[in-house]
N, C-alpha and C. Protein backbone atom coordinates (compact mmCIF):
# COMPACT_ATOMS: atom_id res chain seq x y z
N MET A 1 -1.80 -16.70 -10.19
CA MET A 1 -1.32 -16.57 -8.83
C MET A 1 -1.85 -15.24 -8.30
N SER A 2 -2.47 -15.30 -7.17
CA SER A 2 -3.09 -14.09 -6.63
C SER A 2 -2.10 -13.25 -5.82
N ARG A 3 -2.46 -12.01 -5.68
CA ARG A 3 -1.66 -11.10 -4.86
C ARG A 3 -1.60 -11.63 -3.42
N ASP A 4 -2.72 -12.14 -2.93
CA ASP A 4 -2.75 -12.68 -1.56
C ASP A 4 -1.76 -13.82 -1.37
N GLU A 5 -1.64 -14.70 -2.38
CA GLU A 5 -0.68 -15.81 -2.31
C GLU A 5 0.75 -15.29 -2.25
N VAL A 6 1.06 -14.34 -3.13
CA VAL A 6 2.42 -13.78 -3.17
C VAL A 6 2.74 -13.09 -1.85
N VAL A 7 1.83 -12.28 -1.35
CA VAL A 7 2.07 -11.57 -0.09
C VAL A 7 2.23 -12.56 1.06
N ALA A 8 1.43 -13.60 1.09
CA ALA A 8 1.54 -14.61 2.15
C ALA A 8 2.90 -15.30 2.12
N MET A 9 3.38 -15.63 0.92
CA MET A 9 4.70 -16.26 0.81
C MET A 9 5.80 -15.30 1.27
N LEU A 10 5.68 -14.04 0.88
CA LEU A 10 6.68 -13.06 1.30
C LEU A 10 6.61 -12.81 2.81
N ALA A 11 5.42 -12.85 3.39
CA ALA A 11 5.27 -12.65 4.82
C ALA A 11 5.98 -13.75 5.61
N SER A 12 6.03 -14.96 5.04
CA SER A 12 6.69 -16.05 5.74
C SER A 12 8.21 -15.87 5.79
N PHE A 13 8.73 -14.97 4.98
CA PHE A 13 10.16 -14.61 5.03
C PHE A 13 10.32 -13.61 6.17
N GLY A 14 10.85 -14.04 7.27
CA GLY A 14 11.01 -13.18 8.43
C GLY A 14 9.84 -13.23 9.39
N SER A 15 8.90 -14.15 9.12
CA SER A 15 7.75 -14.34 10.01
C SER A 15 7.07 -13.03 10.38
N ARG A 16 6.64 -12.29 9.36
CA ARG A 16 5.98 -11.01 9.60
C ARG A 16 4.51 -11.11 9.19
N PRO A 17 3.69 -10.22 9.69
CA PRO A 17 2.29 -10.23 9.28
C PRO A 17 2.15 -9.78 7.83
N VAL A 18 1.10 -10.23 7.16
CA VAL A 18 0.93 -9.90 5.75
C VAL A 18 0.81 -8.39 5.53
N ASP A 19 0.26 -7.68 6.50
CA ASP A 19 0.13 -6.23 6.33
C ASP A 19 1.46 -5.49 6.51
N ALA A 20 2.52 -6.22 6.86
CA ALA A 20 3.85 -5.62 6.99
C ALA A 20 4.70 -5.83 5.73
N VAL A 21 4.15 -6.52 4.73
CA VAL A 21 4.89 -6.76 3.49
C VAL A 21 4.77 -5.53 2.60
N PRO A 22 5.89 -4.89 2.27
CA PRO A 22 5.84 -3.71 1.41
C PRO A 22 5.64 -4.09 -0.06
N GLU A 23 5.35 -3.11 -0.89
CA GLU A 23 5.17 -3.35 -2.32
C GLU A 23 6.49 -3.75 -2.98
N THR A 24 7.60 -3.18 -2.53
CA THR A 24 8.89 -3.49 -3.15
C THR A 24 9.45 -4.81 -2.62
N ILE A 25 10.15 -5.50 -3.51
CA ILE A 25 10.76 -6.79 -3.18
C ILE A 25 12.26 -6.66 -3.41
N ASP A 26 13.05 -7.01 -2.40
CA ASP A 26 14.50 -6.98 -2.60
C ASP A 26 14.97 -8.35 -3.10
N SER A 27 16.25 -8.47 -3.38
CA SER A 27 16.76 -9.69 -4.00
C SER A 27 16.62 -10.92 -3.10
N MET A 28 16.78 -10.75 -1.80
CA MET A 28 16.61 -11.89 -0.89
C MET A 28 15.15 -12.33 -0.84
N GLU A 29 14.23 -11.38 -0.83
CA GLU A 29 12.81 -11.71 -0.83
C GLU A 29 12.42 -12.41 -2.14
N LEU A 30 12.98 -11.94 -3.25
CA LEU A 30 12.70 -12.57 -4.53
C LEU A 30 13.20 -14.01 -4.55
N ALA A 31 14.40 -14.24 -4.05
CA ALA A 31 14.93 -15.60 -4.00
C ALA A 31 14.04 -16.49 -3.13
N TRP A 32 13.59 -15.96 -2.01
CA TRP A 32 12.69 -16.70 -1.11
C TRP A 32 11.37 -17.01 -1.82
N LEU A 33 10.82 -16.01 -2.48
CA LEU A 33 9.55 -16.17 -3.19
C LEU A 33 9.65 -17.26 -4.25
N LEU A 34 10.70 -17.22 -5.05
CA LEU A 34 10.88 -18.22 -6.11
C LEU A 34 11.04 -19.62 -5.51
N HIS A 35 11.76 -19.71 -4.40
CA HIS A 35 11.91 -21.00 -3.71
C HIS A 35 10.55 -21.50 -3.22
N GLN A 36 9.76 -20.61 -2.66
CA GLN A 36 8.43 -20.99 -2.17
C GLN A 36 7.52 -21.47 -3.31
N VAL A 37 7.61 -20.80 -4.44
CA VAL A 37 6.83 -21.21 -5.61
C VAL A 37 7.24 -22.62 -6.04
N GLU A 38 8.55 -22.87 -6.06
CA GLU A 38 9.02 -24.22 -6.41
C GLU A 38 8.46 -25.26 -5.45
N GLN A 39 8.52 -24.97 -4.16
CA GLN A 39 8.05 -25.92 -3.15
C GLN A 39 6.54 -26.13 -3.22
N ARG A 40 5.81 -25.06 -3.37
CA ARG A 40 4.34 -25.13 -3.33
C ARG A 40 3.75 -25.75 -4.59
N TYR A 41 4.32 -25.41 -5.75
CA TYR A 41 3.71 -25.83 -7.01
C TYR A 41 4.49 -26.94 -7.73
N GLY A 42 5.63 -27.35 -7.17
CA GLY A 42 6.38 -28.44 -7.76
C GLY A 42 6.93 -28.14 -9.14
N VAL A 43 7.29 -26.88 -9.37
CA VAL A 43 7.85 -26.46 -10.64
C VAL A 43 9.29 -26.00 -10.43
N ARG A 44 10.05 -26.04 -11.48
CA ARG A 44 11.43 -25.55 -11.44
C ARG A 44 11.41 -24.10 -11.90
N VAL A 45 11.92 -23.21 -11.05
CA VAL A 45 12.00 -21.79 -11.39
C VAL A 45 13.47 -21.42 -11.47
N ASP A 46 13.91 -20.97 -12.64
CA ASP A 46 15.30 -20.57 -12.83
C ASP A 46 15.42 -19.08 -12.53
N PRO A 47 16.04 -18.72 -11.41
CA PRO A 47 16.14 -17.30 -11.04
C PRO A 47 16.97 -16.48 -12.03
N ASP A 48 17.75 -17.15 -12.85
CA ASP A 48 18.55 -16.42 -13.84
C ASP A 48 17.76 -16.09 -15.10
N ASP A 49 16.55 -16.63 -15.19
CA ASP A 49 15.67 -16.32 -16.31
C ASP A 49 15.36 -14.83 -16.27
N GLY A 50 15.53 -14.17 -17.38
CA GLY A 50 15.32 -12.72 -17.45
C GLY A 50 13.96 -12.26 -16.97
N GLY A 51 12.94 -13.07 -17.12
CA GLY A 51 11.61 -12.70 -16.67
C GLY A 51 11.49 -12.59 -15.17
N TYR A 52 12.25 -13.40 -14.46
CA TYR A 52 12.19 -13.36 -13.00
C TYR A 52 13.14 -12.31 -12.44
N ALA A 53 14.25 -12.11 -13.10
CA ALA A 53 15.27 -11.18 -12.59
C ALA A 53 14.75 -9.75 -12.49
N GLY A 54 13.78 -9.39 -13.31
CA GLY A 54 13.27 -8.03 -13.30
C GLY A 54 12.19 -7.75 -12.27
N ILE A 55 11.82 -8.75 -11.48
CA ILE A 55 10.76 -8.55 -10.49
C ILE A 55 11.29 -7.71 -9.33
N SER A 56 10.62 -6.59 -9.07
CA SER A 56 11.03 -5.75 -7.95
C SER A 56 9.84 -5.27 -7.11
N THR A 57 8.64 -5.69 -7.49
CA THR A 57 7.45 -5.32 -6.71
C THR A 57 6.52 -6.53 -6.60
N VAL A 58 5.61 -6.46 -5.64
CA VAL A 58 4.62 -7.51 -5.48
C VAL A 58 3.76 -7.60 -6.74
N SER A 59 3.37 -6.46 -7.28
CA SER A 59 2.53 -6.46 -8.49
C SER A 59 3.22 -7.15 -9.66
N GLU A 60 4.52 -6.88 -9.84
CA GLU A 60 5.28 -7.55 -10.91
C GLU A 60 5.35 -9.05 -10.66
N ALA A 61 5.54 -9.44 -9.41
CA ALA A 61 5.60 -10.87 -9.07
C ALA A 61 4.28 -11.56 -9.42
N VAL A 62 3.17 -10.92 -9.08
CA VAL A 62 1.86 -11.49 -9.40
C VAL A 62 1.71 -11.66 -10.91
N ASP A 63 2.08 -10.64 -11.67
CA ASP A 63 1.96 -10.69 -13.13
C ASP A 63 2.85 -11.77 -13.73
N VAL A 64 4.14 -11.74 -13.39
CA VAL A 64 5.11 -12.66 -14.00
C VAL A 64 4.82 -14.10 -13.57
N LEU A 65 4.66 -14.32 -12.29
CA LEU A 65 4.43 -15.69 -11.81
C LEU A 65 3.09 -16.22 -12.29
N GLY A 66 2.07 -15.37 -12.29
CA GLY A 66 0.77 -15.79 -12.78
C GLY A 66 0.83 -16.22 -14.23
N THR A 67 1.54 -15.45 -15.04
CA THR A 67 1.69 -15.78 -16.45
C THR A 67 2.49 -17.06 -16.64
N ARG A 68 3.61 -17.16 -15.95
CA ARG A 68 4.50 -18.31 -16.12
C ARG A 68 3.87 -19.61 -15.60
N LEU A 69 3.06 -19.49 -14.55
CA LEU A 69 2.46 -20.68 -13.97
C LEU A 69 1.07 -20.97 -14.51
N GLY A 70 0.59 -20.06 -15.35
CA GLY A 70 -0.74 -20.24 -15.91
C GLY A 70 -1.83 -20.03 -14.88
N ARG A 71 -1.54 -19.24 -13.87
CA ARG A 71 -2.52 -18.93 -12.83
C ARG A 71 -2.63 -17.43 -12.73
N SER A 72 -3.81 -16.93 -12.66
CA SER A 72 -4.00 -15.49 -12.47
C SER A 72 -4.94 -15.28 -11.31
N GLY A 73 -4.92 -14.08 -10.79
CA GLY A 73 -5.79 -13.81 -9.67
C GLY A 73 -5.75 -12.42 -9.32
């Protein structure tokens, strides 16, 4: 999963431009991101999974989601 994909999904939360997405991710943004991943890739993402709960930056999201989904970028 590429950084551009993660940033684009986060930008759709609040309808903001991609350049307005900060590096840090709050809990609502994380919930939105995980929901978007489920919708886009047709996978079940358990937000209570310890690997997802620790995501607090865009870079961490790219690493964790890329690893879990078998996609890197």
